[in-house]
Amino acid sequence: MRSRRGGGICGTTIALIANMTRGVISGHSKTIILSGVGYRLELRGCRLTMFIGYSHPVQHAVPEGLAATLQSPTELTISGTDKQRVGEAAADIRRYRPMEPYKGKGFRYADEAMRLRVRRRSK
């Protein structure tokens, strides 16, 4: 009988090579949408300025090797050749203001479905 230990790396290696090939050919991208009254984004060079409800604007540097573009003041697209770095940069930006489940304010991915919770009414 064959042992099952040590044989699981093959699928991971194939996926990593496929992601590298796709990254070089067409690139990877993640779109982040910011929702909330008065929330907006500004991009100057490689510095992203976020107005997300704090008393001061939040500054975030776009990592080297990645490109960030604004489709609108509330929609940001991060793109690059390395899938892991694109996802990590998007997650870093999202950590500043994660989606709030009651009002729906904050950052969310474009392909993410967020269900709003119903608030309890006090008596």
PDB file of N, CA and C in Angstrom:
ATOM      1  N   MET A   1       0.833  -1.175   0.000  1.00  0.00           N
ATOM      2  CA  MET A   1       0.000   0.000   0.000  1.00  0.00           C
ATOM      3  C   MET A   1       0.884   1.248   0.000  1.00  0.00           C
ATOM      4  N   ARG A   2       0.498   2.253  -0.782  1.00  0.00           N
ATOM      5  CA  ARG A   2       1.284   3.467  -0.903  1.00  0.00           C
ATOM      6  C   ARG A   2       1.005   4.433   0.240  1.00  0.00           C
ATOM      7  N   SER A   3       2.026   5.134   0.629  1.00  0.00           N
ATOM      8  CA  SER A   3       1.884   6.141   1.673  1.00  0.00           C
ATOM      9  C   SER A   3       1.354   7.433   1.054  1.00  0.00           C
ATOM     10  N   ARG A   4       0.513   8.151   1.770  1.00  0.00           N
ATOM     11  CA  ARG A   4      -0.053   9.402   1.262  1.00  0.00           C
ATOM     12  C   ARG A   4       0.759  10.621   1.680  1.00  0.00           C
ATOM     13  N   ARG A   5       1.818  10.424   2.410  1.00  0.00           N
ATOM     14  CA  ARG A   5       2.617  11.563   2.860  1.00  0.00           C
ATOM     15  C   ARG A   5       3.543  12.061   1.763  1.00  0.00           C
ATOM     16  N   GLY A   6       3.675  13.395   1.664  1.00  0.00           N
ATOM     17  CA  GLY A   6       4.655  13.977   0.761  1.00  0.00           C
ATOM     18  C   GLY A   6       4.218  14.116  -0.679  1.00  0.00           C
ATOM     19  N   GLY A   7       3.049  13.663  -1.051  1.00  0.00           N
ATOM     20  CA  GLY A   7       2.651  13.722  -2.449  1.00  0.00           C
ATOM     21  C   GLY A   7       1.761  14.902  -2.784  1.00  0.00           C
ATOM     22  N   GLY A   8       1.423  15.768  -1.835  1.00  0.00           N
ATOM     23  CA  GLY A   8       0.484  16.860  -2.062  1.00  0.00           C
ATOM     24  C   GLY A   8       1.065  18.122  -2.645  1.00  0.00           C
ATOM     25  N   ILE A   9       2.362  18.181  -2.849  1.00  0.00           N
ATOM     26  CA  ILE A   9       2.993  19.400  -3.328  1.00  0.00           C
ATOM     27  C   ILE A   9       2.828  19.579  -4.841  1.00  0.00           C
ATOM     28  N   CYS A  10       2.486  18.554  -5.542  1.00  0.00           N
ATOM     29  CA  CYS A  10       2.393  18.607  -7.002  1.00  0.00           C
ATOM     30  C   CYS A  10       1.321  19.591  -7.468  1.00  0.00           C
ATOM     31  N   GLY A  11       0.142  19.536  -6.891  1.00  0.00           N
ATOM     32  CA  GLY A  11      -0.942  20.437  -7.279  1.00  0.00           C
ATOM     33  C   GLY A  11      -0.619  21.886  -6.969  1.00  0.00           C
ATOM     34  N   THR A  12       0.012  22.135  -5.830  1.00  0.00           N
ATOM     35  CA  THR A  12       0.402  23.494  -5.466  1.00  0.00           C
ATOM     36  C   THR A  12       1.427  24.044  -6.446  1.00  0.00           C
ATOM     37  N   THR A  13       2.392  23.229  -6.812  1.00  0.00           N
ATOM     38  CA  THR A  13       3.422  23.655  -7.751  1.00  0.00           C
ATOM     39  C   THR A  13       2.818  23.986  -9.113  1.00  0.00           C
ATOM     40  N   ILE A  14       1.903  23.176  -9.570  1.00  0.00           N
ATOM     41  CA  ILE A  14       1.242  23.429 -10.858  1.00  0.00           C
ATOM     42  C   ILE A  14       0.468  24.738 -10.812  1.00  0.00           C
ATOM     43  N   ALA A  15      -0.243  24.994  -9.694  1.00  0.00           N
ATOM     44  CA  ALA A  15      -1.006  26.231  -9.558  1.00  0.00           C
ATOM     45  C   ALA A  15      -0.089  27.452  -9.517  1.00  0.00           C
ATOM     46  N   LEU A  16       1.028  27.357  -8.806  1.00  0.00           N
ATOM     47  CA  LEU A  16       1.967  28.479  -8.731  1.00  0.00           C
ATOM     48  C   LEU A  16       2.580  28.788 -10.098  1.00  0.00           C
ATOM     49  N   ILE A  17       2.938  27.755 -10.837  1.00  0.00           N
ATOM     50  CA  ILE A  17       3.506  27.959 -12.178  1.00  0.00           C
ATOM     51  C   ILE A  17       2.459  28.552 -13.113  1.00  0.00           C
ATOM     52  N   ALA A  18       1.219  28.092 -13.018  1.00  0.00           N
ATOM     53  CA  ALA A  18       0.144  28.645 -13.849  1.00  0.00           C
ATOM     54  C   ALA A  18      -0.102  30.121 -13.510  1.00  0.00           C
ATOM     55  N   ASN A  19      -0.061  30.472 -12.222  1.00  0.00           N
ATOM     56  CA  ASN A  19      -0.253  31.871 -11.824  1.00  0.00           C
ATOM     57  C   ASN A  19       0.898  32.754 -12.310  1.00  0.00           C
ATOM     58  N   MET A  20       2.127  32.239 -12.268  1.00  0.00           N
ATOM     59  CA  MET A  20       3.272  33.004 -12.771  1.00  0.00           C
ATOM     60  C   MET A  20       3.145  33.238 -14.274  1.00  0.00           C
ATOM     61  N   THR A  21       2.751  32.215 -14.997  1.00  0.00           N
ATOM     62  CA  THR A  21       2.602  32.331 -16.448  1.00  0.00           C
ATOM     63  C   THR A  21       1.508  33.333 -16.792  1.00  0.00           C
ATOM     64  N   ARG A  22       0.374  33.235 -16.115  1.00  0.00           N
ATOM     65  CA  ARG A  22      -0.735  34.166 -16.369  1.00  0.00           C
ATOM     66  C   ARG A  22      -0.337  35.590 -15.999  1.00  0.00           C
ATOM     67  N   GLY A  23       0.442  35.746 -14.917  1.00  0.00           N
ATOM     68  CA  GLY A  23       0.872  37.077 -14.504  1.00  0.00           C
ATOM     69  C   GLY A  23       1.754  37.751 -15.531  1.00  0.00           C
ATOM     70  N   VAL A  24       2.634  36.998 -16.156  1.00  0.00           N
ATOM     71  CA  VAL A  24       3.526  37.560 -17.170  1.00  0.00           C
ATOM     72  C   VAL A  24       2.750  37.869 -18.446  1.00  0.00           C
ATOM     73  N   ILE A  25       1.817  37.001 -18.804  1.00  0.00           N
ATOM     74  CA  ILE A  25       1.086  37.182 -20.064  1.00  0.00           C
ATOM     75  C   ILE A  25       0.042  38.284 -19.952  1.00  0.00           C
ATOM     76  N   SER A  26      -0.856  38.200 -18.963  1.00  0.00           N
ATOM     77  CA  SER A  26      -1.951  39.173 -18.894  1.00  0.00           C
ATOM     78  C   SER A  26      -1.992  39.971 -17.598  1.00  0.00           C
ATOM     79  N   GLY A  27      -1.327  39.534 -16.554  1.00  0.00           N
ATOM     80  CA  GLY A  27      -1.310  40.261 -15.292  1.00  0.00           C
ATOM     81  C   GLY A  27      -2.490  39.907 -14.396  1.00  0.00           C
ATOM     82  N   HIS A  28      -2.348  40.236 -13.137  1.00  0.00           N
ATOM     83  CA  HIS A  28      -3.407  40.007 -12.152  1.00  0.00           C
ATOM     84  C   HIS A  28      -3.898  41.357 -11.660  1.00  0.00           C
ATOM     85  N   SER A  29      -5.167  41.434 -11.272  1.00  0.00           N
ATOM     86  CA  SER A  29      -5.688  42.686 -10.730  1.00  0.00           C
ATOM     87  C   SER A  29      -6.785  42.403  -9.714  1.00  0.00           C
ATOM     88  N   LYS A  30      -6.918  43.313  -8.762  1.00  0.00           N
ATOM     89  CA  LYS A  30      -7.971  43.270  -7.742  1.00  0.00           C
ATOM     90  C   LYS A  30      -8.615  44.642  -7.716  1.00  0.00           C
ATOM     91  N   THR A  31      -9.941  44.674  -7.692  1.00  0.00           N
ATOM     92  CA  THR A  31     -10.678  45.920  -7.611  1.00  0.00           C
ATOM     93  C   THR A  31     -11.285  46.040  -6.224  1.00  0.00           C
ATOM     94  N   ILE A  32     -11.068  47.189  -5.594  1.00  0.00           N
ATOM     95  CA  ILE A  32     -11.586  47.463  -4.259  1.00  0.00           C
ATOM     96  C   ILE A  32     -12.568  48.619  -4.370  1.00  0.00           C
ATOM     97  N   ILE A  33     -13.734  48.463  -3.764  1.00  0.00           N
ATOM     98  CA  ILE A  33     -14.756  49.503  -3.780  1.00  0.00           C
ATOM     99  C   ILE A  33     -14.906  50.056  -2.368  1.00  0.00           C
ATOM    100  N   LEU A  34     -14.933  51.380  -2.255  1.00  0.00           N
ATOM    101  CA  LEU A  34     -15.099  52.059  -0.982  1.00  0.00           C
ATOM    102  C   LEU A  34     -16.503  52.632  -0.932  1.00  0.00           C
ATOM    103  N   SER A  35     -17.260  52.289   0.097  1.00  0.00           N
ATOM    104  CA  SER A  35     -18.609  52.831   0.221  1.00  0.00           C
ATOM    105  C   SER A  35     -18.764  53.513   1.569  1.00  0.00           C
ATOM    106  N   GLY A  36     -19.470  54.599   1.568  1.00  0.00           N
ATOM    107  CA  GLY A  36     -19.705  55.389   2.768  1.00  0.00           C
ATOM    108  C   GLY A  36     -19.850  56.852   2.383  1.00  0.00           C
ATOM    109  N   VAL A  37     -20.694  57.578   3.083  1.00  0.00           N
ATOM    110  CA  VAL A  37     -20.933  58.979   2.771  1.00  0.00           C
ATOM    111  C   VAL A  37     -19.680  59.789   3.096  1.00  0.00           C
ATOM    112  N   GLY A  38     -19.166  60.497   2.111  1.00  0.00           N
ATOM    113  CA  GLY A  38     -17.986  61.324   2.294  1.00  0.00           C
ATOM    114  C   GLY A  38     -16.670  60.588   2.157  1.00  0.00           C
ATOM    115  N   TYR A  39     -16.672  59.280   1.972  1.00  0.00           N
ATOM    116  CA  TYR A  39     -15.443  58.511   1.812  1.00  0.00           C
ATOM    117  C   TYR A  39     -14.958  58.659   0.375  1.00  0.00           C
ATOM    118  N   ARG A  40     -13.646  58.873   0.206  1.00  0.00           N
ATOM    119  CA  ARG A  40     -13.091  58.984  -1.150  1.00  0.00           C
ATOM    120  C   ARG A  40     -11.607  58.663  -1.131  1.00  0.00           C
ATOM    121  N   LEU A  41     -11.066  58.440  -2.317  1.00  0.00           N
ATOM    122  CA  LEU A  41      -9.661  58.097  -2.503  1.00  0.00           C
ATOM    123  C   LEU A  41      -9.021  59.096  -3.454  1.00  0.00           C
ATOM    124  N   GLU A  42      -7.738  59.379  -3.242  1.00  0.00           N
ATOM    125  CA  GLU A  42      -6.955  60.193  -4.163  1.00  0.00           C
ATOM    126  C   GLU A  42      -5.633  59.483  -4.394  1.00  0.00           C
ATOM    127  N   LEU A  43      -5.145  59.546  -5.617  1.00  0.00           N
ATOM    128  CA  LEU A  43      -3.890  58.893  -5.974  1.00  0.00           C
ATOM    129  C   LEU A  43      -2.961  59.939  -6.575  1.00  0.00           C
ATOM    130  N   ARG A  44      -1.819  60.147  -5.915  1.00  0.00           N
ATOM    131  CA  ARG A  44      -0.806  61.076  -6.424  1.00  0.00           C
ATOM    132  C   ARG A  44       0.505  60.324  -6.524  1.00  0.00           C
ATOM    133  N   GLY A  45       0.912  60.022  -7.735  1.00  0.00           N
ATOM    134  CA  GLY A  45       2.137  59.247  -7.939  1.00  0.00           C
ATOM    135  C   GLY A  45       1.963  57.846  -7.395  1.00  0.00           C
ATOM    136  N   CYS A  46       2.797  57.473  -6.439  1.00  0.00           N
ATOM    137  CA  CYS A  46       2.688  56.141  -5.836  1.00  0.00           C
ATOM    138  C   CYS A  46       2.137  56.221  -4.414  1.00  0.00           C
ATOM    139  N   ARG A  47       1.479  57.332  -4.079  1.00  0.00           N
ATOM    140  CA  ARG A  47       0.919  57.521  -2.743  1.00  0.00           C
ATOM    141  C   ARG A  47      -0.601  57.612  -2.827  1.00  0.00           C
ATOM    142  N   LEU A  48      -1.263  56.770  -2.064  1.00  0.00           N
ATOM    143  CA  LEU A  48      -2.719  56.733  -2.020  1.00  0.00           C
ATOM    144  C   LEU A  48      -3.174  57.458  -0.760  1.00  0.00           C
ATOM    145  N   THR A  49      -4.046  58.438  -0.929  1.00  0.00           N
ATOM    146  CA  THR A  49      -4.605  59.172   0.204  1.00  0.00           C
ATOM    147  C   THR A  49      -6.061  58.766   0.348  1.00  0.00           C
ATOM    148  N   MET A  50      -6.431  58.332   1.569  1.00  0.00           N
ATOM    149  CA  MET A  50      -7.777  57.845   1.823  1.00  0.00           C
ATOM    150  C   MET A  50      -8.474  58.741   2.838  1.00  0.00           C
ATOM    151  N   PHE A  51      -9.655  59.214   2.489  1.00  0.00           N
ATOM    152  CA  PHE A  51     -10.503  59.968   3.400  1.00  0.00           C
ATOM    153  C   PHE A  51     -11.626  59.011   3.803  1.00  0.00           C
ATOM    154  N   ILE A  52     -11.435  58.360   4.962  1.00  0.00           N
ATOM    155  CA  ILE A  52     -12.325  57.257   5.330  1.00  0.00           C
ATOM    156  C   ILE A  52     -12.937  57.427   6.714  1.00  0.00           C
ATOM    157  N   GLY A  53     -13.217  58.681   7.087  1.00  0.00           N
ATOM    158  CA  GLY A  53     -13.949  58.927   8.316  1.00  0.00           C
ATOM    159  C   GLY A  53     -13.105  59.165   9.551  1.00  0.00           C
ATOM    160  N   TYR A  54     -11.793  59.136   9.427  1.00  0.00           N
ATOM    161  CA  TYR A  54     -10.942  59.462  10.560  1.00  0.00           C
ATOM    162  C   TYR A  54     -10.757  60.979  10.614  1.00  0.00           C
ATOM    163  N   SER A  55     -10.155  61.488  11.678  1.00  0.00           N
ATOM    164  CA  SER A  55      -9.960  62.927  11.821  1.00  0.00           C
ATOM    165  C   SER A  55      -8.882  63.457  10.876  1.00  0.00           C
ATOM    166  N   HIS A  56      -8.145  62.572  10.242  1.00  0.00           N
ATOM    167  CA  HIS A  56      -7.071  62.959   9.337  1.00  0.00           C
ATOM    168  C   HIS A  56      -7.078  62.022   8.128  1.00  0.00           C
ATOM    169  N   PRO A  57      -6.570  62.480   6.974  1.00  0.00           N
ATOM    170  CA  PRO A  57      -6.461  61.578   5.825  1.00  0.00           C
ATOM    171  C   PRO A  57      -5.393  60.517   6.083  1.00  0.00           C
ATOM    172  N   VAL A  58      -5.639  59.312   5.618  1.00  0.00           N
ATOM    173  CA  VAL A  58      -4.713  58.196   5.803  1.00  0.00           C
ATOM    174  C   VAL A  58      -3.884  58.044   4.535  1.00  0.00           C
ATOM    175  N   GLN A  59      -2.554  57.983   4.683  1.00  0.00           N
ATOM    176  CA  GLN A  59      -1.628  57.834   3.561  1.00  0.00           C
ATOM    177  C   GLN A  59      -1.176  56.378   3.474  1.00  0.00           C
ATOM    178  N   HIS A  60      -1.081  55.867   2.252  1.00  0.00           N
ATOM    179  CA  HIS A  60      -0.590  54.509   2.035  1.00  0.00           C
ATOM    180  C   HIS A  60       0.250  54.504   0.760  1.00  0.00           C
ATOM    181  N   ALA A  61       1.465  53.975   0.843  1.00  0.00           N
ATOM    182  CA  ALA A  61       2.339  53.889  -0.324  1.00  0.00           C
ATOM    183  C   ALA A  61       2.037  52.615  -1.101  1.00  0.00           C
ATOM    184  N   VAL A  62       1.887  52.748  -2.406  1.00  0.00           N
ATOM    185  CA  VAL A  62       1.670  51.585  -3.266  1.00  0.00           C
ATOM    186  C   VAL A  62       3.006  50.860  -3.392  1.00  0.00           C
ATOM    187  N   PRO A  63       3.051  49.546  -3.147  1.00  0.00           N
ATOM    188  CA  PRO A  63       4.320  48.819  -3.211  1.00  0.00           C
ATOM    189  C   PRO A  63       4.969  48.892  -4.599  1.00  0.00           C
ATOM    190  N   GLU A  64       6.283  48.837  -4.591  1.00  0.00           N
ATOM    191  CA  GLU A  64       7.037  48.880  -5.838  1.00  0.00           C
ATOM    192  C   GLU A  64       6.741  47.643  -6.674  1.00  0.00           C
ATOM    193  N   GLY A  65       6.555  47.821  -7.957  1.00  0.00           N
ATOM    194  CA  GLY A  65       6.249  46.714  -8.852  1.00  0.00           C
ATOM    195  C   GLY A  65       4.762  46.532  -9.097  1.00  0.00           C
ATOM    196  N   LEU A  66       3.928  47.260  -8.358  1.00  0.00           N
ATOM    197  CA  LEU A  66       2.481  47.191  -8.541  1.00  0.00           C
ATOM    198  C   LEU A  66       1.981  48.539  -9.035  1.00  0.00           C
ATOM    199  N   ALA A  67       0.866  48.509  -9.754  1.00  0.00           N
ATOM    200  CA  ALA A  67       0.258  49.739 -10.261  1.00  0.00           C
ATOM    201  C   ALA A  67      -1.131  49.892  -9.659  1.00  0.00           C
ATOM    202  N   ALA A  68      -1.455  51.113  -9.269  1.00  0.00           N
ATOM    203  CA  ALA A  68      -2.777  51.404  -8.731  1.00  0.00           C
ATOM    204  C   ALA A  68      -3.431  52.458  -9.616  1.00  0.00           C
ATOM    205  N   THR A  69      -4.681  52.239  -9.982  1.00  0.00           N
ATOM    206  CA  THR A  69      -5.423  53.197 -10.792  1.00  0.00           C
ATOM    207  C   THR A  69      -6.791  53.421 -10.168  1.00  0.00           C
ATOM    208  N   LEU A  70      -7.289  54.640 -10.302  1.00  0.00           N
ATOM    209  CA  LEU A  70      -8.616  54.987  -9.791  1.00  0.00           C
ATOM    210  C   LEU A  70      -9.591  55.082 -10.960  1.00  0.00           C
ATOM    211  N   GLN A  71     -10.654  54.291 -10.937  1.00  0.00           N
ATOM    212  CA  GLN A  71     -11.706  54.406 -11.935  1.00  0.00           C
ATOM    213  C   GLN A  71     -12.663  55.528 -11.550  1.00  0.00           C
ATOM    214  N   SER A  72     -12.869  55.710 -10.265  1.00  0.00           N
ATOM    215  CA  SER A  72     -13.698  56.776  -9.709  1.00  0.00           C
ATOM    216  C   SER A  72     -13.137  57.087  -8.327  1.00  0.00           C
ATOM    217  N   PRO A  73     -13.622  58.118  -7.641  1.00  0.00           N
ATOM    218  CA  PRO A  73     -13.094  58.412  -6.308  1.00  0.00           C
ATOM    219  C   PRO A  73     -13.364  57.325  -5.263  1.00  0.00           C
ATOM    220  N   THR A  74     -14.160  56.335  -5.622  1.00  0.00           N
ATOM    221  CA  THR A  74     -14.461  55.258  -4.669  1.00  0.00           C
ATOM    222  C   THR A  74     -14.095  53.874  -5.194  1.00  0.00           C
ATOM    223  N   GLU A  75     -13.415  53.787  -6.314  1.00  0.00           N
ATOM    224  CA  GLU A  75     -13.074  52.490  -6.898  1.00  0.00           C
ATOM    225  C   GLU A  75     -11.594  52.456  -7.275  1.00  0.00           C
ATOM    226  N   LEU A  76     -10.855  51.514  -6.678  1.00  0.00           N
ATOM    227  CA  LEU A  76      -9.418  51.394  -6.863  1.00  0.00           C
ATOM    228  C   LEU A  76      -9.090  50.026  -7.446  1.00  0.00           C
ATOM    229  N   THR A  77      -8.208  50.004  -8.452  1.00  0.00           N
ATOM    230  CA  THR A  77      -7.745  48.756  -9.035  1.00  0.00           C
ATOM    231  C   THR A  77      -6.240  48.643  -8.831  1.00  0.00           C
ATOM    232  N   ILE A  78      -5.820  47.527  -8.243  1.00  0.00           N
ATOM    233  CA  ILE A  78      -4.404  47.246  -8.049  1.00  0.00           C
ATOM    234  C   ILE A  78      -4.031  46.129  -9.006  1.00  0.00           C
ATOM    235  N   SER A  79      -2.956  46.310  -9.774  1.00  0.00           N
ATOM    236  CA  SER A  79      -2.564  45.299 -10.749  1.00  0.00           C
ATOM    237  C   SER A  79      -1.058  45.099 -10.725  1.00  0.00           C
ATOM    238  N   GLY A  80      -0.654  43.903 -11.156  1.00  0.00           N
ATOM    239  CA  GLY A  80       0.757  43.546 -11.214  1.00  0.00           C
ATOM    240  C   GLY A  80       0.914  42.137 -11.747  1.00  0.00           C
ATOM    241  N   THR A  81       2.161  41.665 -11.786  1.00  0.00           N
ATOM    242  CA  THR A  81       2.422  40.337 -12.336  1.00  0.00           C
ATOM    243  C   THR A  81       2.385  39.242 -11.276  1.00  0.00           C
ATOM    244  N   ASP A  82       2.627  39.574 -10.021  1.00  0.00           N
ATOM    245  CA  ASP A  82       2.661  38.589  -8.940  1.00  0.00           C
ATOM    246  C   ASP A  82       1.319  38.559  -8.217  1.00  0.00           C
ATOM    247  N   LYS A  83       0.621  37.439  -8.313  1.00  0.00           N
ATOM    248  CA  LYS A  83      -0.717  37.317  -7.738  1.00  0.00           C
ATOM    249  C   LYS A  83      -0.705  37.493  -6.226  1.00  0.00           C
ATOM    250  N   GLN A  84       0.296  36.969  -5.559  1.00  0.00           N
ATOM    251  CA  GLN A  84       0.360  37.066  -4.104  1.00  0.00           C
ATOM    252  C   GLN A  84       0.562  38.512  -3.663  1.00  0.00           C
ATOM    253  N   ARG A  85       1.446  39.248  -4.328  1.00  0.00           N
ATOM    254  CA  ARG A  85       1.696  40.643  -3.945  1.00  0.00           C
ATOM    255  C   ARG A  85       0.495  41.529  -4.221  1.00  0.00           C
ATOM    256  N   VAL A  86      -0.248  41.257  -5.308  1.00  0.00           N
ATOM    257  CA  VAL A  86      -1.458  42.026  -5.610  1.00  0.00           C
ATOM    258  C   VAL A  86      -2.504  41.800  -4.515  1.00  0.00           C
ATOM    259  N   GLY A  87      -2.719  40.551  -4.147  1.00  0.00           N
ATOM    260  CA  GLY A  87      -3.685  40.240  -3.102  1.00  0.00           C
ATOM    261  C   GLY A  87      -3.272  40.786  -1.744  1.00  0.00           C
ATOM    262  N   GLU A  88      -1.981  40.750  -1.451  1.00  0.00           N
ATOM    263  CA  GLU A  88      -1.477  41.268  -0.173  1.00  0.00           C
ATOM    264  C   GLU A  88      -1.631  42.786  -0.096  1.00  0.00           C
ATOM    265  N   ALA A  89      -1.366  43.488  -1.189  1.00  0.00           N
ATOM    266  CA  ALA A  89      -1.526  44.945  -1.212  1.00  0.00           C
ATOM    267  C   ALA A  89      -2.994  45.328  -1.055  1.00  0.00           C
ATOM    268  N   ALA A  90      -3.877  44.587  -1.715  1.00  0.00           N
ATOM    269  CA  ALA A  90      -5.314  44.860  -1.582  1.00  0.00           C
ATOM    270  C   ALA A  90      -5.784  44.608  -0.154  1.00  0.00           C
ATOM    271  N   ALA A  91      -5.284  43.560   0.475  1.00  0.00           N
ATOM    272  CA  ALA A  91      -5.663  43.257   1.856  1.00  0.00           C
ATOM    273  C   ALA A  91      -5.126  44.310   2.820  1.00  0.00           C
ATOM    274  N   ASP A  92      -3.921  44.832   2.564  1.00  0.00           N
ATOM    275  CA  ASP A  92      -3.363  45.883   3.413  1.00  0.00           C
ATOM    276  C   ASP A  92      -4.221  47.142   3.373  1.00  0.00           C
ATOM    277  N   ILE A  93      -4.684  47.526   2.187  1.00  0.00           N
ATOM    278  CA  ILE A  93      -5.536  48.707   2.051  1.00  0.00           C
ATOM    279  C   ILE A  93      -6.883  48.456   2.709  1.00  0.00           C
ATOM    280  N   ARG A  94      -7.404  47.272   2.547  1.00  0.00           N
ATOM    281  CA  ARG A  94      -8.712  46.948   3.107  1.00  0.00           C
ATOM    282  C   ARG A  94      -8.697  46.956   4.634  1.00  0.00           C
ATOM    283  N   ARG A  95      -7.541  46.676   5.246  1.00  0.00           N
ATOM    284  CA  ARG A  95      -7.424  46.638   6.702  1.00  0.00           C
ATOM    285  C   ARG A  95      -7.666  47.989   7.367  1.00  0.00           C
ATOM    286  N   TYR A  96      -7.517  49.090   6.619  1.00  0.00           N
ATOM    287  CA  TYR A  96      -7.743  50.413   7.203  1.00  0.00           C
ATOM    288  C   TYR A  96      -9.206  50.613   7.610  1.00  0.00           C
ATOM    289  N   ARG A  97     -10.144  50.104   6.809  1.00  0.00           N
ATOM    290  CA  ARG A  97     -11.566  50.256   7.118  1.00  0.00           C
ATOM    291  C   ARG A  97     -12.318  49.068   6.514  1.00  0.00           C
ATOM    292  N   PRO A  98     -12.363  47.914   7.233  1.00  0.00           N
ATOM    293  CA  PRO A  98     -13.083  46.763   6.698  1.00  0.00           C
ATOM    294  C   PRO A  98     -14.589  47.036   6.603  1.00  0.00           C
ATOM    295  N   MET A  99     -15.254  46.282   5.775  1.00  0.00           N
ATOM    296  CA  MET A  99     -16.688  46.476   5.573  1.00  0.00           C
ATOM    297  C   MET A  99     -17.443  46.262   6.872  1.00  0.00           C
ATOM    298  N   GLU A 100     -18.280  47.206   7.206  1.00  0.00           N
ATOM    299  CA  GLU A 100     -19.064  47.169   8.429  1.00  0.00           C
ATOM    300  C   GLU A 100     -20.413  46.520   8.096  1.00  0.00           C
ATOM    301  N   PRO A 101     -20.852  45.491   8.839  1.00  0.00           N
ATOM    302  CA  PRO A 101     -22.013  44.713   8.416  1.00  0.00           C
ATOM    303  C   PRO A 101     -23.378  45.369   8.635  1.00  0.00           C
ATOM    304  N   TYR A 102     -23.455  46.450   9.410  1.00  0.00           N
ATOM    305  CA  TYR A 102     -24.752  47.059   9.679  1.00  0.00           C
ATOM    306  C   TYR A 102     -25.088  48.201   8.736  1.00  0.00           C
ATOM    307  N   LYS A 103     -24.121  49.048   8.432  1.00  0.00           N
ATOM    308  CA  LYS A 103     -24.370  50.161   7.521  1.00  0.00           C
ATOM    309  C   LYS A 103     -23.755  49.935   6.137  1.00  0.00           C
ATOM    310  N   GLY A 104     -22.822  48.996   6.030  1.00  0.00           N
ATOM    311  CA  GLY A 104     -22.192  48.698   4.747  1.00  0.00           C
ATOM    312  C   GLY A 104     -21.094  49.670   4.381  1.00  0.00           C
ATOM    313  N   LYS A 105     -20.508  50.355   5.359  1.00  0.00           N
ATOM    314  CA  LYS A 105     -19.449  51.320   5.094  1.00  0.00           C
ATOM    315  C   LYS A 105     -18.093  50.625   5.156  1.00  0.00           C
ATOM    316  N   GLY A 106     -17.187  51.023   4.260  1.00  0.00           N
ATOM    317  CA  GLY A 106     -15.837  50.491   4.277  1.00  0.00           C
ATOM    318  C   GLY A 106     -15.412  49.936   2.931  1.00  0.00           C
ATOM    319  N   PHE A 107     -14.258  49.268   2.930  1.00  0.00           N
ATOM    320  CA  PHE A 107     -13.708  48.667   1.715  1.00  0.00           C
ATOM    321  C   PHE A 107     -14.267  47.270   1.509  1.00  0.00           C
ATOM    322  N   ARG A 108     -14.540  46.932   0.261  1.00  0.00           N
ATOM    323  CA  ARG A 108     -14.902  45.561  -0.103  1.00  0.00           C
ATOM    324  C   ARG A 108     -14.351  45.288  -1.496  1.00  0.00           C
ATOM    325  N   TYR A 109     -14.131  44.006  -1.775  1.00  0.00           N
ATOM    326  CA  TYR A 109     -13.691  43.628  -3.114  1.00  0.00           C
ATOM    327  C   TYR A 109     -14.879  43.705  -4.065  1.00  0.00           C
ATOM    328  N   ALA A 110     -14.619  43.943  -5.338  1.00  0.00           N
ATOM    329  CA  ALA A 110     -15.701  44.090  -6.318  1.00  0.00           C
ATOM    330  C   ALA A 110     -16.483  42.796  -6.484  1.00  0.00           C
ATOM    331  N   ASP A 111     -15.814  41.643  -6.344  1.00  0.00           N
ATOM    332  CA  ASP A 111     -16.504  40.368  -6.535  1.00  0.00           C
ATOM    333  C   ASP A 111     -17.023  39.783  -5.220  1.00  0.00           C
ATOM    334  N   GLU A 112     -16.986  40.551  -4.148  1.00  0.00           N
ATOM    335  CA  GLU A 112     -17.418  40.068  -2.841  1.00  0.00           C
ATOM    336  C   GLU A 112     -18.877  40.445  -2.594  1.00  0.00           C
ATOM    337  N   ALA A 113     -19.644  39.492  -2.127  1.00  0.00           N
ATOM    338  CA  ALA A 113     -21.047  39.753  -1.790  1.00  0.00           C
ATOM    339  C   ALA A 113     -21.139  39.981  -0.282  1.00  0.00           C
ATOM    340  N   MET A 114     -21.668  41.117   0.110  1.00  0.00           N
ATOM    341  CA  MET A 114     -21.785  41.450   1.529  1.00  0.00           C
ATOM    342  C   MET A 114     -23.248  41.572   1.890  1.00  0.00           C
ATOM    343  N   ARG A 115     -23.685  40.759   2.834  1.00  0.00           N
ATOM    344  CA  ARG A 115     -25.068  40.838   3.305  1.00  0.00           C
ATOM    345  C   ARG A 115     -25.118  41.735   4.532  1.00  0.00           C
ATOM    346  N   LEU A 116     -26.016  42.693   4.498  1.00  0.00           N
ATOM    347  CA  LEU A 116     -26.160  43.588   5.638  1.00  0.00           C
ATOM    348  C   LEU A 116     -27.007  42.922   6.710  1.00  0.00           C
ATOM    349  N   ARG A 117     -26.634  43.124   7.959  1.00  0.00           N
ATOM    350  CA  ARG A 117     -27.379  42.577   9.079  1.00  0.00           C
ATOM    351  C   ARG A 117     -28.484  43.542   9.474  1.00  0.00           C
ATOM    352  N   VAL A 118     -29.541  42.995  10.038  1.00  0.00           N
ATOM    353  CA  VAL A 118     -30.653  43.811  10.502  1.00  0.00           C
ATOM    354  C   VAL A 118     -30.347  44.226  11.940  1.00  0.00           C
ATOM    355  N   ARG A 119     -30.558  45.491  12.219  1.00  0.00           N
ATOM    356  CA  ARG A 119     -30.328  45.981  13.584  1.00  0.00           C
ATOM    357  C   ARG A 119     -31.468  45.598  14.494  1.00  0.00           C
ATOM    358  N   ARG A 120     -31.129  45.368  15.741  1.00  0.00           N
ATOM    359  CA  ARG A 120     -32.134  45.100  16.751  1.00  0.00           C
ATOM    360  C   ARG A 120     -32.702  46.400  17.253  1.00  0.00           C
ATOM    361  N   ARG A 121     -33.971  46.450  17.411  1.00  0.00           N
ATOM    362  CA  ARG A 121     -34.613  47.646  17.949  1.00  0.00           C
ATOM    363  C   ARG A 121     -34.752  47.487  19.453  1.00  0.00           C
ATOM    364  N   SER A 122     -34.360  48.509  20.193  1.00  0.00           N
ATOM    365  CA  SER A 122     -34.518  48.426  21.655  1.00  0.00           C
ATOM    366  C   SER A 122     -35.932  48.862  22.033  1.00  0.00           C
ATOM    367  N   LYS A 123     -36.417  48.316  23.133  1.00  0.00           N
ATOM    368  CA  LYS A 123     -37.791  48.607  23.549  1.00  0.00           C
ATOM    369  C   LYS A 123     -37.888  49.867  24.342  1.00  0.00           C
TER     370      LYS A 123
END
